[in-house]
Amino acid sequence: QEQLVESGGGLVQAGGSLRLSCAASGRTSRNYVMGWFRQAPGKEREFVAVITWSAATAYYADSVKGRFTISRDNTKNTVHLQMNSLKPEDTAVYYCIADIRYGGTSAAEYDYWGQGTQVTVSS
């Protein structure tokens, strides 16, 4: 059974940093792209970042470029999202995703999802 478990969310002041982690088990740990989406109250799920299995390519939403960095450790089947210079508009539930291929920025293209971790940025 594929499973993704996120950790690292919390409350931080604007300008601060947080590091999210996602541990994968099952088939999601093998040759899968992994990444993050987020969903703010009353809004649709939004693409944040995805990284290929080899870590050779990373994709970012324009809204987080230069502030967020995605990385992965295939020896531990984990993916991380380092979030710096956080803004109140980054407040959302952050979801870890995985799939056999990069599906662009559409949430519907990704088959495996974690339960989510709350990130709250206060102004």
PDB file of N, CA and C in Angstrom:
ATOM      1  N   GLN A   1       0.846  -1.188   0.000  1.00  0.00           N
ATOM      2  CA  GLN A   1       0.000   0.000   0.000  1.00  0.00           C
ATOM      3  C   GLN A   1       0.880   1.236   0.000  1.00  0.00           C
ATOM      4  N   GLU A   2       0.622   2.113  -0.978  1.00  0.00           N
ATOM      5  CA  GLU A   2       1.396   3.344  -1.041  1.00  0.00           C
ATOM      6  C   GLU A   2       0.977   4.273   0.090  1.00  0.00           C
ATOM      7  N   GLN A   3       1.954   4.916   0.691  1.00  0.00           N
ATOM      8  CA  GLN A   3       1.653   5.827   1.788  1.00  0.00           C
ATOM      9  C   GLN A   3       2.628   6.991   1.786  1.00  0.00           C
ATOM     10  N   LEU A   4       2.092   8.191   1.978  1.00  0.00           N
ATOM     11  CA  LEU A   4       2.900   9.399   2.083  1.00  0.00           C
ATOM     12  C   LEU A   4       2.531  10.077   3.404  1.00  0.00           C
ATOM     13  N   VAL A   5       3.530  10.392   4.207  1.00  0.00           N
ATOM     14  CA  VAL A   5       3.281  11.004   5.509  1.00  0.00           C
ATOM     15  C   VAL A   5       4.098  12.281   5.622  1.00  0.00           C
ATOM     16  N   GLU A   6       3.373  13.401   5.782  1.00  0.00           N
ATOM     17  CA  GLU A   6       4.034  14.695   5.878  1.00  0.00           C
ATOM     18  C   GLU A   6       4.327  15.061   7.335  1.00  0.00           C
ATOM     19  N   SER A   7       5.325  15.926   7.502  1.00  0.00           N
ATOM     20  CA  SER A   7       5.641  16.481   8.815  1.00  0.00           C
ATOM     21  C   SER A   7       6.313  17.838   8.623  1.00  0.00           C
ATOM     22  N   GLY A   8       6.368  18.607   9.719  1.00  0.00           N
ATOM     23  CA  GLY A   8       7.122  19.853   9.679  1.00  0.00           C
ATOM     24  C   GLY A   8       6.302  21.116   9.589  1.00  0.00           C
ATOM     25  N   GLY A   9       4.990  20.994   9.480  1.00  0.00           N
ATOM     26  CA  GLY A   9       4.172  22.195   9.429  1.00  0.00           C
ATOM     27  C   GLY A   9       4.138  22.895  10.773  1.00  0.00           C
ATOM     28  N   GLY A  10       3.536  24.090  10.784  1.00  0.00           N
ATOM     29  CA  GLY A  10       3.430  24.828  12.037  1.00  0.00           C
ATOM     30  C   GLY A  10       3.103  26.280  11.804  1.00  0.00           C
ATOM     31  N   LEU A  11       3.279  27.059  12.858  1.00  0.00           N
ATOM     32  CA  LEU A  11       3.005  28.501  12.835  1.00  0.00           C
ATOM     33  C   LEU A  11       4.327  29.256  12.818  1.00  0.00           C
ATOM     34  N   VAL A  12       4.447  30.213  11.920  1.00  0.00           N
ATOM     35  CA  VAL A  12       5.667  30.998  11.796  1.00  0.00           C
ATOM     36  C   VAL A  12       5.303  32.425  11.431  1.00  0.00           C
ATOM     37  N   GLN A  13       6.136  33.361  11.822  1.00  0.00           N
ATOM     38  CA  GLN A  13       5.907  34.755  11.460  1.00  0.00           C
ATOM     39  C   GLN A  13       6.351  35.017  10.029  1.00  0.00           C
ATOM     40  N   ALA A  14       5.773  36.019   9.417  1.00  0.00           N
ATOM     41  CA  ALA A  14       6.171  36.414   8.071  1.00  0.00           C
ATOM     42  C   ALA A  14       7.674  36.684   8.039  1.00  0.00           C
ATOM     43  N   GLY A  15       8.305  36.196   6.978  1.00  0.00           N
ATOM     44  CA  GLY A  15       9.750  36.321   6.853  1.00  0.00           C
ATOM     45  C   GLY A  15      10.521  35.143   7.407  1.00  0.00           C
ATOM     46  N   GLY A  16       9.829  34.284   8.122  1.00  0.00           N
ATOM     47  CA  GLY A  16      10.469  33.124   8.721  1.00  0.00           C
ATOM     48  C   GLY A  16      10.579  31.953   7.765  1.00  0.00           C
ATOM     49  N   SER A  17      11.035  30.816   8.318  1.00  0.00           N
ATOM     50  CA  SER A  17      11.282  29.623   7.510  1.00  0.00           C
ATOM     51  C   SER A  17      10.661  28.395   8.162  1.00  0.00           C
ATOM     52  N   LEU A  18      10.315  27.445   7.329  1.00  0.00           N
ATOM     53  CA  LEU A  18       9.874  26.128   7.770  1.00  0.00           C
ATOM     54  C   LEU A  18      10.412  25.104   6.785  1.00  0.00           C
ATOM     55  N   ARG A  19      10.586  23.878   7.262  1.00  0.00           N
ATOM     56  CA  ARG A  19      11.009  22.780   6.394  1.00  0.00           C
ATOM     57  C   ARG A  19      10.006  21.649   6.526  1.00  0.00           C
ATOM     58  N   LEU A  20       9.364  21.340   5.424  1.00  0.00           N
ATOM     59  CA  LEU A  20       8.430  20.226   5.383  1.00  0.00           C
ATOM     60  C   LEU A  20       9.147  18.973   4.902  1.00  0.00           C
ATOM     61  N   SER A  21       8.722  17.834   5.430  1.00  0.00           N
ATOM     62  CA  SER A  21       9.256  16.555   4.994  1.00  0.00           C
ATOM     63  C   SER A  21       8.111  15.608   4.676  1.00  0.00           C
ATOM     64  N   CYS A  22       8.386  14.678   3.778  1.00  0.00           N
ATOM     65  CA  CYS A  22       7.398  13.670   3.408  1.00  0.00           C
ATOM     66  C   CYS A  22       8.117  12.338   3.272  1.00  0.00           C
ATOM     67  N   ALA A  23       7.652  11.367   4.033  1.00  0.00           N
ATOM     68  CA  ALA A  23       8.225  10.025   3.982  1.00  0.00           C
ATOM     69  C   ALA A  23       7.313   9.124   3.160  1.00  0.00           C
ATOM     70  N   ALA A  24       7.889   8.432   2.201  1.00  0.00           N
ATOM     71  CA  ALA A  24       7.128   7.563   1.308  1.00  0.00           C
ATOM     72  C   ALA A  24       7.408   6.103   1.597  1.00  0.00           C
ATOM     73  N   SER A  25       6.384   5.276   1.440  1.00  0.00           N
ATOM     74  CA  SER A  25       6.551   3.834   1.564  1.00  0.00           C
ATOM     75  C   SER A  25       5.725   3.157   0.481  1.00  0.00           C
ATOM     76  N   GLY A  26       6.067   1.934   0.165  1.00  0.00           N
ATOM     77  CA  GLY A  26       5.381   1.234  -0.908  1.00  0.00           C
ATOM     78  C   GLY A  26       5.972   1.592  -2.254  1.00  0.00           C
ATOM     79  N   ARG A  27       5.197   1.475  -3.303  1.00  0.00           N
ATOM     80  CA  ARG A  27       5.705   1.695  -4.654  1.00  0.00           C
ATOM     81  C   ARG A  27       6.052   3.148  -4.919  1.00  0.00           C
ATOM     82  N   THR A  28       5.496   4.062  -4.100  1.00  0.00           N
ATOM     83  CA  THR A  28       5.819   5.470  -4.296  1.00  0.00           C
ATOM     84  C   THR A  28       7.283   5.753  -4.059  1.00  0.00           C
ATOM     85  N   SER A  29       7.968   4.818  -3.396  1.00  0.00           N
ATOM     86  CA  SER A  29       9.367   5.060  -3.110  1.00  0.00           C
ATOM     87  C   SER A  29      10.266   4.669  -4.281  1.00  0.00           C
ATOM     88  N   ARG A  30       9.690   4.129  -5.345  1.00  0.00           N
ATOM     89  CA  ARG A  30      10.527   3.654  -6.437  1.00  0.00           C
ATOM     90  C   ARG A  30      10.309   4.473  -7.701  1.00  0.00           C
ATOM     91  N   ASN A  31      11.341   5.241  -8.080  1.00  0.00           N
ATOM     92  CA  ASN A  31      11.360   5.933  -9.377  1.00  0.00           C
ATOM     93  C   ASN A  31      10.179   6.875  -9.592  1.00  0.00           C
ATOM     94  N   TYR A  32       9.596   7.377  -8.539  1.00  0.00           N
ATOM     95  CA  TYR A  32       8.451   8.256  -8.665  1.00  0.00           C
ATOM     96  C   TYR A  32       8.882   9.712  -8.556  1.00  0.00           C
ATOM     97  N   VAL A  33       8.218  10.575  -9.303  1.00  0.00           N
ATOM     98  CA  VAL A  33       8.359  11.998  -9.019  1.00  0.00           C
ATOM     99  C   VAL A  33       7.615  12.267  -7.709  1.00  0.00           C
ATOM    100  N   MET A  34       8.095  13.217  -6.977  1.00  0.00           N
ATOM    101  CA  MET A  34       7.442  13.599  -5.722  1.00  0.00           C
ATOM    102  C   MET A  34       7.382  15.110  -5.631  1.00  0.00           C
ATOM    103  N   GLY A  35       6.460  15.601  -4.840  1.00  0.00           N
ATOM    104  CA  GLY A  35       6.355  17.046  -4.745  1.00  0.00           C
ATOM    105  C   GLY A  35       5.309  17.504  -3.761  1.00  0.00           C
ATOM    106  N   TRP A  36       4.894  18.754  -3.958  1.00  0.00           N
ATOM    107  CA  TRP A  36       3.974  19.396  -3.013  1.00  0.00           C
ATOM    108  C   TRP A  36       2.920  20.229  -3.732  1.00  0.00           C
ATOM    109  N   PHE A  37       1.715  20.133  -3.221  1.00  0.00           N
ATOM    110  CA  PHE A  37       0.632  21.047  -3.550  1.00  0.00           C
ATOM    111  C   PHE A  37       0.195  21.703  -2.241  1.00  0.00           C
ATOM    112  N   ARG A  38      -0.607  22.732  -2.347  1.00  0.00           N
ATOM    113  CA  ARG A  38      -1.164  23.354  -1.145  1.00  0.00           C
ATOM    114  C   ARG A  38      -2.582  23.813  -1.418  1.00  0.00           C
ATOM    115  N   GLN A  39      -3.341  23.947  -0.332  1.00  0.00           N
ATOM    116  CA  GLN A  39      -4.718  24.404  -0.452  1.00  0.00           C
ATOM    117  C   GLN A  39      -5.044  25.342   0.690  1.00  0.00           C
ATOM    118  N   ALA A  40      -5.375  26.560   0.332  1.00  0.00           N
ATOM    119  CA  ALA A  40      -5.803  27.559   1.308  1.00  0.00           C
ATOM    120  C   ALA A  40      -7.317  27.489   1.457  1.00  0.00           C
ATOM    121  N   PRO A  41      -7.857  27.955   2.571  1.00  0.00           N
ATOM    122  CA  PRO A  41      -9.308  27.923   2.779  1.00  0.00           C
ATOM    123  C   PRO A  41     -10.054  28.613   1.650  1.00  0.00           C
ATOM    124  N   GLY A  42     -11.047  27.925   1.106  1.00  0.00           N
ATOM    125  CA  GLY A  42     -11.867  28.501   0.061  1.00  0.00           C
ATOM    126  C   GLY A  42     -11.233  28.537  -1.320  1.00  0.00           C
ATOM    127  N   LYS A  43     -10.056  27.937  -1.447  1.00  0.00           N
ATOM    128  CA  LYS A  43      -9.363  27.956  -2.734  1.00  0.00           C
ATOM    129  C   LYS A  43      -9.101  26.535  -3.220  1.00  0.00           C
ATOM    130  N   GLU A  44      -8.812  26.408  -4.507  1.00  0.00           N
ATOM    131  CA  GLU A  44      -8.482  25.105  -5.076  1.00  0.00           C
ATOM    132  C   GLU A  44      -7.051  24.725  -4.701  1.00  0.00           C
ATOM    133  N   ARG A  45      -6.775  23.439  -4.834  1.00  0.00           N
ATOM    134  CA  ARG A  45      -5.404  22.982  -4.602  1.00  0.00           C
ATOM    135  C   ARG A  45      -4.483  23.585  -5.643  1.00  0.00           C
ATOM    136  N   GLU A  46      -3.309  23.990  -5.181  1.00  0.00           N
ATOM    137  CA  GLU A  46      -2.383  24.759  -6.013  1.00  0.00           C
ATOM    138  C   GLU A  46      -1.036  24.054  -6.066  1.00  0.00           C
ATOM    139  N   PHE A  47      -0.482  23.955  -7.256  1.00  0.00           N
ATOM    140  CA  PHE A  47       0.842  23.374  -7.441  1.00  0.00           C
ATOM    141  C   PHE A  47       1.889  24.228  -6.734  1.00  0.00           C
ATOM    142  N   VAL A  48       2.832  23.558  -6.056  1.00  0.00           N
ATOM    143  CA  VAL A  48       3.927  24.268  -5.400  1.00  0.00           C
ATOM    144  C   VAL A  48       5.261  23.887  -6.043  1.00  0.00           C
ATOM    145  N   ALA A  49       5.610  22.612  -5.996  1.00  0.00           N
ATOM    146  CA  ALA A  49       6.893  22.171  -6.538  1.00  0.00           C
ATOM    147  C   ALA A  49       6.888  20.662  -6.720  1.00  0.00           C
ATOM    148  N   VAL A  50       7.628  20.192  -7.708  1.00  0.00           N
ATOM    149  CA  VAL A  50       7.803  18.764  -7.964  1.00  0.00           C
ATOM    150  C   VAL A  50       9.252  18.521  -8.341  1.00  0.00           C
ATOM    151  N   ILE A  51       9.774  17.353  -7.963  1.00  0.00           N
ATOM    152  CA  ILE A  51      11.144  16.984  -8.278  1.00  0.00           C
ATOM    153  C   ILE A  51      11.168  15.580  -8.864  1.00  0.00           C
ATOM    154  N   THR A  52      11.986  15.376  -9.884  1.00  0.00           N
ATOM    155  CA  THR A  52      12.074  14.062 -10.504  1.00  0.00           C
ATOM    156  C   THR A  52      12.824  13.091  -9.610  1.00  0.00           C
ATOM    157  N   TRP A  53      12.728  11.786  -9.931  1.00  0.00           N
ATOM    158  CA  TRP A  53      13.345  10.774  -9.087  1.00  0.00           C
ATOM    159  C   TRP A  53      14.845  10.988  -8.958  1.00  0.00           C
ATOM    160  N   SER A  54      15.489  11.354 -10.084  1.00  0.00           N
ATOM    161  CA  SER A  54      16.940  11.553 -10.068  1.00  0.00           C
ATOM    162  C   SER A  54      17.345  12.868  -9.430  1.00  0.00           C
ATOM    163  N   ALA A  55      16.333  13.711  -9.140  1.00  0.00           N
ATOM    164  CA  ALA A  55      16.579  15.060  -8.623  1.00  0.00           C
ATOM    165  C   ALA A  55      17.250  15.959  -9.657  1.00  0.00           C
ATOM    166  N   ALA A  56      17.274  15.520 -10.907  1.00  0.00           N
ATOM    167  CA  ALA A  56      17.907  16.324 -11.947  1.00  0.00           C
ATOM    168  C   ALA A  56      17.070  17.528 -12.323  1.00  0.00           C
ATOM    169  N   THR A  57      15.765  17.428 -12.129  1.00  0.00           N
ATOM    170  CA  THR A  57      14.870  18.517 -12.530  1.00  0.00           C
ATOM    171  C   THR A  57      13.872  18.806 -11.427  1.00  0.00           C
ATOM    172  N   ALA A  58      13.689  20.079 -11.153  1.00  0.00           N
ATOM    173  CA  ALA A  58      12.689  20.529 -10.193  1.00  0.00           C
ATOM    174  C   ALA A  58      11.836  21.597 -10.855  1.00  0.00           C
ATOM    175  N   TYR A  59      10.560  21.550 -10.565  1.00  0.00           N
ATOM    176  CA  TYR A  59       9.609  22.509 -11.112  1.00  0.00           C
ATOM    177  C   TYR A  59       9.001  23.281  -9.948  1.00  0.00           C
ATOM    178  N   TYR A  60       8.830  24.577 -10.144  1.00  0.00           N
ATOM    179  CA  TYR A  60       8.282  25.426  -9.089  1.00  0.00           C
ATOM    180  C   TYR A  60       7.163  26.314  -9.623  1.00  0.00           C
ATOM    181  N   ALA A  61       6.209  26.583  -8.765  1.00  0.00           N
ATOM    182  CA  ALA A  61       5.225  27.615  -9.071  1.00  0.00           C
ATOM    183  C   ALA A  61       5.925  28.974  -9.043  1.00  0.00           C
ATOM    184  N   ASP A  62       5.471  29.873  -9.885  1.00  0.00           N
ATOM    185  CA  ASP A  62       6.082  31.206  -9.929  1.00  0.00           C
ATOM    186  C   ASP A  62       6.010  31.894  -8.570  1.00  0.00           C
ATOM    187  N   SER A  63       4.954  31.620  -7.828  1.00  0.00           N
ATOM    188  CA  SER A  63       4.736  32.303  -6.557  1.00  0.00           C
ATOM    189  C   SER A  63       5.749  31.909  -5.484  1.00  0.00           C
ATOM    190  N   VAL A  64       6.465  30.795  -5.695  1.00  0.00           N
ATOM    191  CA  VAL A  64       7.417  30.351  -4.665  1.00  0.00           C
ATOM    192  C   VAL A  64       8.860  30.324  -5.161  1.00  0.00           C
ATOM    193  N   LYS A  65       9.072  30.579  -6.442  1.00  0.00           N
ATOM    194  CA  LYS A  65      10.434  30.559  -6.991  1.00  0.00           C
ATOM    195  C   LYS A  65      11.328  31.531  -6.241  1.00  0.00           C
ATOM    196  N   GLY A  66      12.519  31.074  -5.910  1.00  0.00           N
ATOM    197  CA  GLY A  66      13.468  31.910  -5.206  1.00  0.00           C
ATOM    198  C   GLY A  66      13.302  31.896  -3.698  1.00  0.00           C
ATOM    199  N   ARG A  67      12.177  31.352  -3.221  1.00  0.00           N
ATOM    200  CA  ARG A  67      11.933  31.280  -1.778  1.00  0.00           C
ATOM    201  C   ARG A  67      11.876  29.838  -1.269  1.00  0.00           C
ATOM    202  N   PHE A  68      11.339  28.940  -2.084  1.00  0.00           N
ATOM    203  CA  PHE A  68      11.194  27.535  -1.693  1.00  0.00           C
ATOM    204  C   PHE A  68      12.204  26.691  -2.475  1.00  0.00           C
ATOM    205  N   THR A  69      12.690  25.637  -1.819  1.00  0.00           N
ATOM    206  CA  THR A  69      13.591  24.695  -2.471  1.00  0.00           C
ATOM    207  C   THR A  69      13.131  23.280  -2.165  1.00  0.00           C
ATOM    208  N   ILE A  70      12.938  22.477  -3.219  1.00  0.00           N
ATOM    209  CA  ILE A  70      12.551  21.089  -3.048  1.00  0.00           C
ATOM    210  C   ILE A  70      13.776  20.210  -3.214  1.00  0.00           C
ATOM    211  N   SER A  71      13.845  19.158  -2.406  1.00  0.00           N
ATOM    212  CA  SER A  71      14.961  18.218  -2.499  1.00  0.00           C
ATOM    213  C   SER A  71      14.455  16.834  -2.100  1.00  0.00           C
ATOM    214  N   ARG A  72      15.259  15.815  -2.386  1.00  0.00           N
ATOM    215  CA  ARG A  72      14.846  14.473  -2.009  1.00  0.00           C
ATOM    216  C   ARG A  72      16.053  13.636  -1.633  1.00  0.00           C
ATOM    217  N   ASP A  73      15.792  12.635  -0.802  1.00  0.00           N
ATOM    218  CA  ASP A  73      16.813  11.684  -0.398  1.00  0.00           C
ATOM    219  C   ASP A  73      16.261  10.299  -0.698  1.00  0.00           C
ATOM    220  N   ASN A  74      16.703   9.713  -1.795  1.00  0.00           N
ATOM    221  CA  ASN A  74      16.151   8.424  -2.213  1.00  0.00           C
ATOM    222  C   ASN A  74      16.602   7.278  -1.302  1.00  0.00           C
ATOM    223  N   THR A  75      17.663   7.469  -0.557  1.00  0.00           N
ATOM    224  CA  THR A  75      18.099   6.418   0.383  1.00  0.00           C
ATOM    225  C   THR A  75      17.135   6.325   1.560  1.00  0.00           C
ATOM    226  N   LYS A  76      16.423   7.425   1.818  1.00  0.00           N
ATOM    227  CA  LYS A  76      15.465   7.446   2.928  1.00  0.00           C
ATOM    228  C   LYS A  76      14.029   7.584   2.446  1.00  0.00           C
ATOM    229  N   ASN A  77      13.847   7.593   1.123  1.00  0.00           N
ATOM    230  CA  ASN A  77      12.504   7.730   0.536  1.00  0.00           C
ATOM    231  C   ASN A  77      11.776   8.948   1.075  1.00  0.00           C
ATOM    232  N   THR A  78      12.472  10.058   1.099  1.00  0.00           N
ATOM    233  CA  THR A  78      11.874  11.283   1.611  1.00  0.00           C
ATOM    234  C   THR A  78      12.033  12.432   0.615  1.00  0.00           C
ATOM    235  N   VAL A  79      11.122  13.372   0.697  1.00  0.00           N
ATOM    236  CA  VAL A  79      11.221  14.615  -0.055  1.00  0.00           C
ATOM    237  C   VAL A  79      11.024  15.756   0.938  1.00  0.00           C
ATOM    238  N   HIS A  80      11.737  16.843   0.695  1.00  0.00           N
ATOM    239  CA  HIS A  80      11.689  17.979   1.605  1.00  0.00           C
ATOM    240  C   HIS A  80      11.316  19.240   0.844  1.00  0.00           C
ATOM    241  N   LEU A  81      10.709  20.179   1.565  1.00  0.00           N
ATOM    242  CA  LEU A  81      10.426  21.488   1.001  1.00  0.00           C
ATOM    243  C   LEU A  81      10.918  22.533   1.993  1.00  0.00           C
ATOM    244  N   GLN A  82      12.023  23.177   1.652  1.00  0.00           N
ATOM    245  CA  GLN A  82      12.549  24.252   2.480  1.00  0.00           C
ATOM    246  C   GLN A  82      11.865  25.547   2.060  1.00  0.00           C
ATOM    247  N   MET A  83      11.174  26.166   3.005  1.00  0.00           N
ATOM    248  CA  MET A  83      10.402  27.367   2.710  1.00  0.00           C
ATOM    249  C   MET A  83      10.997  28.540   3.475  1.00  0.00           C
ATOM    250  N   ASN A  84      11.522  29.499   2.739  1.00  0.00           N
ATOM    251  CA  ASN A  84      12.119  30.694   3.325  1.00  0.00           C
ATOM    252  C   ASN A  84      11.310  31.924   2.943  1.00  0.00           C
ATOM    253  N   SER A  85      11.547  33.004   3.666  1.00  0.00           N
ATOM    254  CA  SER A  85      10.862  34.273   3.384  1.00  0.00           C
ATOM    255  C   SER A  85       9.356  34.072   3.266  1.00  0.00           C
ATOM    256  N   LEU A  86       8.799  33.351   4.214  1.00  0.00           N
ATOM    257  CA  LEU A  86       7.380  33.016   4.151  1.00  0.00           C
ATOM    258  C   LEU A  86       6.502  34.259   4.253  1.00  0.00           C
ATOM    259  N   LYS A  87       5.381  34.191   3.547  1.00  0.00           N
ATOM    260  CA  LYS A  87       4.416  35.286   3.504  1.00  0.00           C
ATOM    261  C   LYS A  87       3.073  34.787   4.031  1.00  0.00           C
ATOM    262  N   PRO A  88       2.222  35.676   4.509  1.00  0.00           N
ATOM    263  CA  PRO A  88       0.888  35.237   4.956  1.00  0.00           C
ATOM    264  C   PRO A  88       0.128  34.484   3.879  1.00  0.00           C
ATOM    265  N   GLU A  89       0.329  34.842   2.621  1.00  0.00           N
ATOM    266  CA  GLU A  89      -0.366  34.150   1.535  1.00  0.00           C
ATOM    267  C   GLU A  89       0.143  32.736   1.295  1.00  0.00           C
ATOM    268  N   ASP A  90       1.196  32.327   1.978  1.00  0.00           N
ATOM    269  CA  ASP A  90       1.657  30.944   1.913  1.00  0.00           C
ATOM    270  C   ASP A  90       0.875  30.047   2.873  1.00  0.00           C
ATOM    271  N   THR A  91       0.026  30.641   3.693  1.00  0.00           N
ATOM    272  CA  THR A  91      -0.779  29.868   4.634  1.00  0.00           C
ATOM    273  C   THR A  91      -1.689  28.906   3.894  1.00  0.00           C
ATOM    274  N   ALA A  92      -1.588  27.627   4.232  1.00  0.00           N
ATOM    275  CA  ALA A  92      -2.364  26.590   3.544  1.00  0.00           C
ATOM    276  C   ALA A  92      -2.073  25.239   4.187  1.00  0.00           C
ATOM    277  N   VAL A  93      -2.865  24.252   3.795  1.00  0.00           N
ATOM    278  CA  VAL A  93      -2.503  22.864   4.069  1.00  0.00           C
ATOM    279  C   VAL A  93      -1.614  22.401   2.922  1.00  0.00           C
ATOM    280  N   TYR A  94      -0.461  21.867   3.262  1.00  0.00           N
ATOM    281  CA  TYR A  94       0.491  21.414   2.253  1.00  0.00           C
ATOM    282  C   TYR A  94       0.417  19.894   2.138  1.00  0.00           C
ATOM    283  N   TYR A  95       0.256  19.434   0.885  1.00  0.00           N
ATOM    284  CA  TYR A  95       0.100  18.017   0.613  1.00  0.00           C
ATOM    285  C   TYR A  95       1.306  17.492  -0.160  1.00  0.00           C
ATOM    286  N   CYS A  96       1.803  16.365   0.266  1.00  0.00           N
ATOM    287  CA  CYS A  96       2.843  15.653  -0.474  1.00  0.00           C
ATOM    288  C   CYS A  96       2.184  14.805  -1.561  1.00  0.00           C
ATOM    289  N   ILE A  97       2.788  14.749  -2.721  1.00  0.00           N
ATOM    290  CA  ILE A  97       2.263  13.950  -3.824  1.00  0.00           C
ATOM    291  C   ILE A  97       3.363  13.086  -4.425  1.00  0.00           C
ATOM    292  N   ALA A  98       2.911  12.037  -5.118  1.00  0.00           N
ATOM    293  CA  ALA A  98       3.844  11.178  -5.847  1.00  0.00           C
ATOM    294  C   ALA A  98       3.130  10.582  -7.052  1.00  0.00           C
ATOM    295  N   ASP A  99       3.907  10.310  -8.090  1.00  0.00           N
ATOM    296  CA  ASP A  99       3.347   9.659  -9.275  1.00  0.00           C
ATOM    297  C   ASP A  99       4.493   9.138 -10.121  1.00  0.00           C
ATOM    298  N   ILE A 100       4.154   8.280 -11.065  1.00  0.00           N
ATOM    299  CA  ILE A 100       5.174   7.663 -11.898  1.00  0.00           C
ATOM    300  C   ILE A 100       5.789   8.677 -12.860  1.00  0.00           C
ATOM    301  N   ARG A 101       5.069   9.759 -13.168  1.00  0.00           N
ATOM    302  CA  ARG A 101       5.588  10.739 -14.105  1.00  0.00           C
ATOM    303  C   ARG A 101       5.211  12.146 -13.661  1.00  0.00           C
ATOM    304  N   TYR A 102       5.907  13.108 -14.228  1.00  0.00           N
ATOM    305  CA  TYR A 102       5.578  14.505 -13.964  1.00  0.00           C
ATOM    306  C   TYR A 102       4.294  14.842 -14.710  1.00  0.00           C
ATOM    307  N   GLY A 103       3.310  15.324 -13.980  1.00  0.00           N
ATOM    308  CA  GLY A 103       2.005  15.612 -14.567  1.00  0.00           C
ATOM    309  C   GLY A 103       1.685  17.089 -14.675  1.00  0.00           C
ATOM    310  N   GLY A 104       2.690  17.924 -14.617  1.00  0.00           N
ATOM    311  CA  GLY A 104       2.429  19.347 -14.720  1.00  0.00           C
ATOM    312  C   GLY A 104       1.894  19.920 -13.429  1.00  0.00           C
ATOM    313  N   THR A 105       1.076  20.964 -13.569  1.00  0.00           N
ATOM    314  CA  THR A 105       0.618  21.680 -12.389  1.00  0.00           C
ATOM    315  C   THR A 105      -0.811  21.321 -11.968  1.00  0.00           C
ATOM    316  N   SER A 106      -1.403  20.340 -12.622  1.00  0.00           N
ATOM    317  CA  SER A 106      -2.771  19.955 -12.306  1.00  0.00           C
ATOM    318  C   SER A 106      -2.810  18.885 -11.230  1.00  0.00           C
ATOM    319  N   ALA A 107      -3.575  19.141 -10.170  1.00  0.00           N
ATOM    320  CA  ALA A 107      -3.679  18.175  -9.086  1.00  0.00           C
ATOM    321  C   ALA A 107      -4.264  16.851  -9.560  1.00  0.00           C
ATOM    322  N   ALA A 108      -5.115  16.894 -10.565  1.00  0.00           N
ATOM    323  CA  ALA A 108      -5.773  15.684 -11.058  1.00  0.00           C
ATOM    324  C   ALA A 108      -4.792  14.705 -11.693  1.00  0.00           C
ATOM    325  N   GLU A 109      -3.605  15.163 -12.046  1.00  0.00           N
ATOM    326  CA  GLU A 109      -2.627  14.307 -12.725  1.00  0.00           C
ATOM    327  C   GLU A 109      -1.807  13.453 -11.766  1.00  0.00           C
ATOM    328  N   TYR A 110      -1.977  13.615 -10.466  1.00  0.00           N
ATOM    329  CA  TYR A 110      -1.152  12.911  -9.485  1.00  0.00           C
ATOM    330  C   TYR A 110      -2.012  11.935  -8.682  1.00  0.00           C
ATOM    331  N   ASP A 111      -1.542  10.697  -8.619  1.00  0.00           N
ATOM    332  CA  ASP A 111      -2.358   9.635  -8.032  1.00  0.00           C
ATOM    333  C   ASP A 111      -2.237   9.503  -6.525  1.00  0.00           C
ATOM    334  N   TYR A 112      -1.078   9.799  -5.968  1.00  0.00           N
ATOM    335  CA  TYR A 112      -0.845   9.511  -4.557  1.00  0.00           C
ATOM    336  C   TYR A 112      -0.682  10.799  -3.758  1.00  0.00           C
ATOM    337  N   TRP A 113      -1.404  10.839  -2.639  1.00  0.00           N
ATOM    338  CA  TRP A 113      -1.447  12.049  -1.812  1.00  0.00           C
ATOM    339  C   TRP A 113      -1.286  11.692  -0.339  1.00  0.00           C
ATOM    340  N   GLY A 114      -0.592  12.578   0.382  1.00  0.00           N
ATOM    341  CA  GLY A 114      -0.560  12.466   1.828  1.00  0.00           C
ATOM    342  C   GLY A 114      -1.775  13.133   2.440  1.00  0.00           C
ATOM    343  N   GLN A 115      -1.843  13.114   3.772  1.00  0.00           N
ATOM    344  CA  GLN A 115      -2.984  13.684   4.488  1.00  0.00           C
ATOM    345  C   GLN A 115      -2.884  15.196   4.646  1.00  0.00           C
ATOM    346  N   GLY A 116      -1.704  15.738   4.482  1.00  0.00           N
ATOM    347  CA  GLY A 116      -1.535  17.177   4.578  1.00  0.00           C
ATOM    348  C   GLY A 116      -0.984  17.639   5.913  1.00  0.00           C
ATOM    349  N   THR A 117      -0.286  18.759   5.883  1.00  0.00           N
ATOM    350  CA  THR A 117       0.229  19.383   7.102  1.00  0.00           C
ATOM    351  C   THR A 117      -0.036  20.886   7.012  1.00  0.00           C
ATOM    352  N   GLN A 118      -0.509  21.458   8.115  1.00  0.00           N
ATOM    353  CA  GLN A 118      -0.903  22.868   8.118  1.00  0.00           C
ATOM    354  C   GLN A 118       0.317  23.769   8.269  1.00  0.00           C
ATOM    355  N   VAL A 119       0.379  24.779   7.421  1.00  0.00           N
ATOM    356  CA  VAL A 119       1.374  25.845   7.538  1.00  0.00           C
ATOM    357  C   VAL A 119       0.625  27.157   7.696  1.00  0.00           C
ATOM    358  N   THR A 120       0.920  27.871   8.778  1.00  0.00           N
ATOM    359  CA  THR A 120       0.273  29.148   9.030  1.00  0.00           C
ATOM    360  C   THR A 120       1.339  30.217   9.194  1.00  0.00           C
ATOM    361  N   VAL A 121       1.233  31.281   8.386  1.00  0.00           N
ATOM    362  CA  VAL A 121       2.196  32.376   8.437  1.00  0.00           C
ATOM    363  C   VAL A 121       1.462  33.615   8.939  1.00  0.00           C
ATOM    364  N   SER A 122       1.885  34.119  10.069  1.00  0.00           N
ATOM    365  CA  SER A 122       1.239  35.299  10.656  1.00  0.00           C
ATOM    366  C   SER A 122       1.932  36.577  10.194  1.00  0.00           C
ATOM    367  N   SER A 123       1.154  37.625  10.075  1.00  0.00           N
ATOM    368  CA  SER A 123       1.710  38.898   9.596  1.00  0.00           C
ATOM    369  C   SER A 123       2.211  39.754  10.747  1.00  0.00           C
TER     370      SER A 123
END
